[in-house]
Amino acid sequence: MADDGKNGSEQNPQGTAPGASNGNGQQPQLSVLTQYVKDLSFESPGAPLSLRPREKSPAININVNVQANPIAETDYDVNLTLTAKAEDEGQVLFNVELVYGGVFRIAGFKQEHMLPVLFIECPRLLFPFARQIISECTRNGGFPPLMIDPVDFAQMFQRRMAEEQAKAKV
């Protein structure tokens, strides 16, 4: 029997079998068209003194934000913003900011699934690349590479939706 390359247990992002539609006759599709660095900034205001060995690790504050904007009928620009600031005894050791973008083609998803795709799945695809850029940037700045822990974008999305619902009730 010839292998056609299809596995009977294969699933698409909607959890339906391949070839099944989502009710509107179109197979759900998520494609990365391009990825890019939109903004990258690294500051080490106290260098070279801030590069000296330390007895304790500095306090590092990391912030993550996601924005998504339509640019065509099925194309969306998703920006993942990562900022990291390291301080020791009130002195800023480094401050790094990255806005990493991706253009995604999204088609065939039900309208109620669009926001989770844009704010969970798209940043999940961008994150490993942005994490690597931050790591290399801090290493090139003379510090140990900053390896940002994985981000739970689903939890971030749920928190954001809860905040917006709370605002709507006020």
C-alpha atoms as a PDB file:
ATOM      1  CA  MET A   1       0.000   0.000   0.000  1.00  0.00           C
ATOM      2  CA  ALA A   2       1.414   3.392  -0.983  1.00  0.00           C
ATOM      3  CA  ASP A   3       1.931   6.025   1.695  1.00  0.00           C
ATOM      4  CA  ASP A   4       0.137   9.226   0.718  1.00  0.00           C
ATOM      5  CA  GLY A   5       1.814  11.189   3.516  1.00  0.00           C
ATOM      6  CA  LYS A   6      -1.432  11.617   5.461  1.00  0.00           C
ATOM      7  CA  ASN A   7      -1.851  10.319   8.960  1.00  0.00           C
ATOM      8  CA  GLY A   8      -5.369   9.475  10.076  1.00  0.00           C
ATOM      9  CA  SER A   9      -4.760  11.111  13.466  1.00  0.00           C
ATOM     10  CA  GLU A  10      -3.605  14.419  11.977  1.00  0.00           C
ATOM     11  CA  GLN A  11      -5.502  17.432  13.332  1.00  0.00           C
ATOM     12  CA  ASN A  12      -5.706  21.064  12.290  1.00  0.00           C
ATOM     13  CA  PRO A  13      -5.869  24.003  14.750  1.00  0.00           C
ATOM     14  CA  GLN A  14      -9.659  23.669  15.013  1.00  0.00           C
ATOM     15  CA  GLY A  15      -9.384  20.068  16.153  1.00  0.00           C
ATOM     16  CA  THR A  16     -11.252  18.665  13.154  1.00  0.00           C
ATOM     17  CA  ALA A  17     -10.036  16.000  10.807  1.00  0.00           C
ATOM     18  CA  PRO A  18      -8.172  17.098   7.657  1.00  0.00           C
ATOM     19  CA  GLY A  19     -10.521  17.923   4.824  1.00  0.00           C
ATOM     20  CA  ALA A  20     -13.337  18.848   7.200  1.00  0.00           C
ATOM     21  CA  SER A  21     -14.539  22.413   6.990  1.00  0.00           C
ATOM     22  CA  ASN A  22     -15.534  24.676   9.849  1.00  0.00           C
ATOM     23  CA  GLY A  23     -19.039  25.211   8.563  1.00  0.00           C
ATOM     24  CA  ASN A  24     -18.279  27.983   6.081  1.00  0.00           C
ATOM     25  CA  GLY A  25     -16.746  25.630   3.514  1.00  0.00           C
ATOM     26  CA  GLN A  26     -13.175  26.823   4.039  1.00  0.00           C
ATOM     27  CA  GLN A  27     -10.376  24.865   5.681  1.00  0.00           C
ATOM     28  CA  PRO A  28      -8.819  26.849   8.599  1.00  0.00           C
ATOM     29  CA  GLN A  29      -5.387  28.150   7.622  1.00  0.00           C
ATOM     30  CA  LEU A  30      -2.688  30.000   9.578  1.00  0.00           C
ATOM     31  CA  SER A  31       0.463  30.944   7.653  1.00  0.00           C
ATOM     32  CA  VAL A  32       3.454  33.072   8.587  1.00  0.00           C
ATOM     33  CA  LEU A  33       4.166  35.353   5.620  1.00  0.00           C
ATOM     34  CA  THR A  34       7.101  37.216   7.182  1.00  0.00           C
ATOM     35  CA  GLN A  35       8.783  38.003  10.486  1.00  0.00           C
ATOM     36  CA  TYR A  36      10.765  41.148  11.259  1.00  0.00           C
ATOM     37  CA  VAL A  37      12.405  43.325  13.907  1.00  0.00           C
ATOM     38  CA  LYS A  38      10.357  46.513  14.086  1.00  0.00           C
ATOM     39  CA  ASP A  39      12.279  48.134  16.952  1.00  0.00           C
ATOM     40  CA  LEU A  40      15.292  47.057  18.987  1.00  0.00           C
ATOM     41  CA  SER A  41      16.953  49.098  21.697  1.00  0.00           C
ATOM     42  CA  PHE A  42      19.673  48.152  24.167  1.00  0.00           C
ATOM     43  CA  GLU A  43      21.008  50.549  26.785  1.00  0.00           C
ATOM     44  CA  SER A  44      23.738  49.934  29.319  1.00  0.00           C
ATOM     45  CA  PRO A  45      24.134  53.382  30.905  1.00  0.00           C
ATOM     46  CA  GLY A  46      26.716  52.342  33.489  1.00  0.00           C
ATOM     47  CA  ALA A  47      29.061  50.387  31.211  1.00  0.00           C
ATOM     48  CA  PRO A  48      31.799  49.397  31.672  1.00  0.00           C
ATOM     49  CA  LEU A  49      31.411  49.619  35.477  1.00  0.00           C
ATOM     50  CA  SER A  50      28.057  47.819  35.349  1.00  0.00           C
ATOM     51  CA  LEU A  51      29.748  44.780  33.766  1.00  0.00           C
ATOM     52  CA  ARG A  52      31.744  43.865  36.884  1.00  0.00           C
ATOM     53  CA  PRO A  53      31.024  40.529  38.605  1.00  0.00           C
ATOM     54  CA  ARG A  54      28.291  40.605  41.269  1.00  0.00           C
ATOM     55  CA  GLU A  55      27.670  38.536  44.368  1.00  0.00           C
ATOM     56  CA  LYS A  56      23.917  38.432  43.778  1.00  0.00           C
ATOM     57  CA  SER A  57      21.787  38.475  40.675  1.00  0.00           C
ATOM     58  CA  PRO A  58      20.236  41.813  39.708  1.00  0.00           C
ATOM     59  CA  ALA A  59      16.492  42.389  39.823  1.00  0.00           C
ATOM     60  CA  ILE A  60      15.115  41.883  36.324  1.00  0.00           C
ATOM     61  CA  ASN A  61      11.687  43.181  35.347  1.00  0.00           C
ATOM     62  CA  ILE A  62      10.218  41.695  32.157  1.00  0.00           C
ATOM     63  CA  ASN A  63       7.086  42.927  30.376  1.00  0.00           C
ATOM     64  CA  VAL A  64       5.281  41.303  27.459  1.00  0.00           C
ATOM     65  CA  ASN A  65       2.616  42.846  25.250  1.00  0.00           C
ATOM     66  CA  VAL A  66       0.835  41.749  22.065  1.00  0.00           C
ATOM     67  CA  GLN A  67      -0.882  43.903  19.455  1.00  0.00           C
ATOM     68  CA  ALA A  68      -2.607  42.825  16.263  1.00  0.00           C
ATOM     69  CA  ASN A  69      -3.858  44.887  13.336  1.00  0.00           C
ATOM     70  CA  PRO A  70      -5.476  43.867  10.052  1.00  0.00           C
ATOM     71  CA  ILE A  71      -3.528  44.862   6.934  1.00  0.00           C
ATOM     72  CA  ALA A  72      -5.650  43.055   4.322  1.00  0.00           C
ATOM     73  CA  GLU A  73      -8.756  40.890   4.252  1.00  0.00           C
ATOM     74  CA  THR A  74      -6.932  37.802   5.546  1.00  0.00           C
ATOM     75  CA  ASP A  75      -3.553  39.283   6.567  1.00  0.00           C
ATOM     76  CA  TYR A  76      -2.711  40.548  10.042  1.00  0.00           C
ATOM     77  CA  ASP A  77       0.326  42.280  11.509  1.00  0.00           C
ATOM     78  CA  VAL A  78       1.020  40.916  14.994  1.00  0.00           C
ATOM     79  CA  ASN A  79       3.597  42.683  17.182  1.00  0.00           C
ATOM     80  CA  LEU A  80       5.160  41.070  20.221  1.00  0.00           C
ATOM     81  CA  THR A  81       6.818  43.612  22.533  1.00  0.00           C
ATOM     82  CA  LEU A  82       9.345  42.366  25.087  1.00  0.00           C
ATOM     83  CA  THR A  83      11.068  44.706  27.532  1.00  0.00           C
ATOM     84  CA  ALA A  84      13.607  43.727  30.161  1.00  0.00           C
ATOM     85  CA  LYS A  85      15.225  46.020  32.705  1.00  0.00           C
ATOM     86  CA  ALA A  86      17.972  44.857  35.074  1.00  0.00           C
ATOM     87  CA  GLU A  87      18.756  46.876  38.191  1.00  0.00           C
ATOM     88  CA  ASP A  88      21.173  46.448  41.077  1.00  0.00           C
ATOM     89  CA  GLU A  89      21.068  48.725  44.118  1.00  0.00           C
ATOM     90  CA  GLY A  90      19.023  51.337  42.223  1.00  0.00           C
ATOM     91  CA  GLN A  91      21.415  51.399  39.278  1.00  0.00           C
ATOM     92  CA  VAL A  92      20.165  50.386  35.820  1.00  0.00           C
ATOM     93  CA  LEU A  93      22.481  47.728  34.458  1.00  0.00           C
ATOM     94  CA  PHE A  94      20.696  47.304  31.159  1.00  0.00           C
ATOM     95  CA  ASN A  95      17.399  48.077  29.511  1.00  0.00           C
ATOM     96  CA  VAL A  96      16.393  46.203  26.368  1.00  0.00           C
ATOM     97  CA  GLU A  97      13.245  46.620  24.289  1.00  0.00           C
ATOM     98  CA  LEU A  98      12.225  44.581  21.283  1.00  0.00           C
ATOM     99  CA  VAL A  99       9.175  44.900  19.065  1.00  0.00           C
ATOM    100  CA  TYR A 100       9.146  41.762  16.938  1.00  0.00           C
ATOM    101  CA  GLY A 101       6.489  41.482  14.260  1.00  0.00           C
ATOM    102  CA  GLY A 102       4.994  38.887  12.035  1.00  0.00           C
ATOM    103  CA  VAL A 103       2.551  39.075   9.157  1.00  0.00           C
ATOM    104  CA  PHE A 104       0.107  36.184   9.262  1.00  0.00           C
ATOM    105  CA  ARG A 105      -2.414  34.979   6.733  1.00  0.00           C
ATOM    106  CA  ILE A 106      -5.449  33.712   8.623  1.00  0.00           C
ATOM    107  CA  ALA A 107      -8.392  32.251   6.755  1.00  0.00           C
ATOM    108  CA  GLY A 108     -11.242  29.873   7.395  1.00  0.00           C
ATOM    109  CA  PHE A 109     -11.558  30.388  11.147  1.00  0.00           C
ATOM    110  CA  LYS A 110     -14.904  31.174  12.728  1.00  0.00           C
ATOM    111  CA  GLN A 111     -15.151  34.791  13.869  1.00  0.00           C
ATOM    112  CA  GLU A 112     -15.193  33.796  17.551  1.00  0.00           C
ATOM    113  CA  HIS A 113     -11.821  32.064  17.104  1.00  0.00           C
ATOM    114  CA  MET A 114     -10.054  35.005  15.454  1.00  0.00           C
ATOM    115  CA  LEU A 115      -8.996  36.825  18.649  1.00  0.00           C
ATOM    116  CA  PRO A 116      -7.514  33.693  20.254  1.00  0.00           C
ATOM    117  CA  VAL A 117      -5.619  32.923  17.044  1.00  0.00           C
ATOM    118  CA  LEU A 118      -4.268  36.495  16.861  1.00  0.00           C
ATOM    119  CA  PHE A 119      -3.407  36.904  20.545  1.00  0.00           C
ATOM    120  CA  ILE A 120      -2.400  33.339  21.499  1.00  0.00           C
ATOM    121  CA  GLU A 121      -1.246  31.330  18.488  1.00  0.00           C
ATOM    122  CA  CYS A 122       0.513  34.094  16.532  1.00  0.00           C
ATOM    123  CA  PRO A 123       2.636  35.387  19.459  1.00  0.00           C
ATOM    124  CA  ARG A 124       3.363  31.771  20.432  1.00  0.00           C
ATOM    125  CA  LEU A 125       4.946  31.338  16.977  1.00  0.00           C
ATOM    126  CA  LEU A 126       6.915  34.611  17.267  1.00  0.00           C
ATOM    127  CA  PHE A 127       8.157  34.177  20.846  1.00  0.00           C
ATOM    128  CA  PRO A 128      11.111  31.784  20.317  1.00  0.00           C
ATOM    129  CA  PHE A 129      12.648  34.143  17.747  1.00  0.00           C
ATOM    130  CA  ALA A 130      12.128  37.230  19.934  1.00  0.00           C
ATOM    131  CA  ARG A 131      13.564  35.373  22.940  1.00  0.00           C
ATOM    132  CA  GLN A 132      16.700  34.539  20.964  1.00  0.00           C
ATOM    133  CA  ILE A 133      17.158  38.166  19.884  1.00  0.00           C
ATOM    134  CA  ILE A 134      16.895  39.370  23.512  1.00  0.00           C
ATOM    135  CA  SER A 135      19.364  36.692  24.610  1.00  0.00           C
ATOM    136  CA  GLU A 136      21.909  37.646  21.963  1.00  0.00           C
ATOM    137  CA  CYS A 137      21.432  41.358  22.621  1.00  0.00           C
ATOM    138  CA  THR A 138      22.179  41.065  26.358  1.00  0.00           C
ATOM    139  CA  ARG A 139      25.135  38.758  25.647  1.00  0.00           C
ATOM    140  CA  ASN A 140      26.514  41.199  23.073  1.00  0.00           C
ATOM    141  CA  GLY A 141      26.071  43.959  25.673  1.00  0.00           C
ATOM    142  CA  GLY A 142      28.551  42.155  27.951  1.00  0.00           C
ATOM    143  CA  PHE A 143      26.028  40.487  30.267  1.00  0.00           C
ATOM    144  CA  PRO A 144      25.068  36.838  30.572  1.00  0.00           C
ATOM    145  CA  PRO A 145      22.420  35.943  27.981  1.00  0.00           C
ATOM    146  CA  LEU A 146      18.941  36.689  29.300  1.00  0.00           C
ATOM    147  CA  MET A 147      16.804  33.612  28.655  1.00  0.00           C
ATOM    148  CA  ILE A 148      13.204  34.734  29.129  1.00  0.00           C
ATOM    149  CA  ASP A 149      10.951  31.983  30.485  1.00  0.00           C
ATOM    150  CA  PRO A 150       8.191  30.742  28.185  1.00  0.00           C
ATOM    151  CA  VAL A 151       5.094  32.938  28.218  1.00  0.00           C
ATOM    152  CA  ASP A 152       1.563  31.592  28.677  1.00  0.00           C
ATOM    153  CA  PHE A 153      -0.179  33.637  25.978  1.00  0.00           C
ATOM    154  CA  ALA A 154      -3.508  31.908  26.667  1.00  0.00           C
ATOM    155  CA  GLN A 155      -3.454  33.127  30.269  1.00  0.00           C
ATOM    156  CA  MET A 156      -2.436  36.618  29.104  1.00  0.00           C
ATOM    157  CA  PHE A 157      -5.342  36.644  26.653  1.00  0.00           C
ATOM    158  CA  GLN A 158      -7.851  35.466  29.270  1.00  0.00           C
ATOM    159  CA  ARG A 159      -6.674  38.137  31.716  1.00  0.00           C
ATOM    160  CA  ARG A 160      -6.950  40.814  29.015  1.00  0.00           C
ATOM    161  CA  MET A 161     -10.486  39.705  28.111  1.00  0.00           C
ATOM    162  CA  ALA A 162     -11.515  39.740  31.793  1.00  0.00           C
ATOM    163  CA  GLU A 163     -10.112  43.280  32.198  1.00  0.00           C
ATOM    164  CA  GLU A 164     -12.003  44.495  29.121  1.00  0.00           C
ATOM    165  CA  GLN A 165     -15.244  42.887  30.338  1.00  0.00           C
ATOM    166  CA  ALA A 166     -14.794  44.555  33.740  1.00  0.00           C
ATOM    167  CA  LYS A 167     -14.301  47.949  32.025  1.00  0.00           C
ATOM    168  CA  ALA A 168     -17.434  47.389  29.929  1.00  0.00           C
ATOM    169  CA  LYS A 169     -19.525  46.799  33.073  1.00  0.00           C
ATOM    170  CA  VAL A 170     -18.441  50.120  34.619  1.00  0.00           C
END
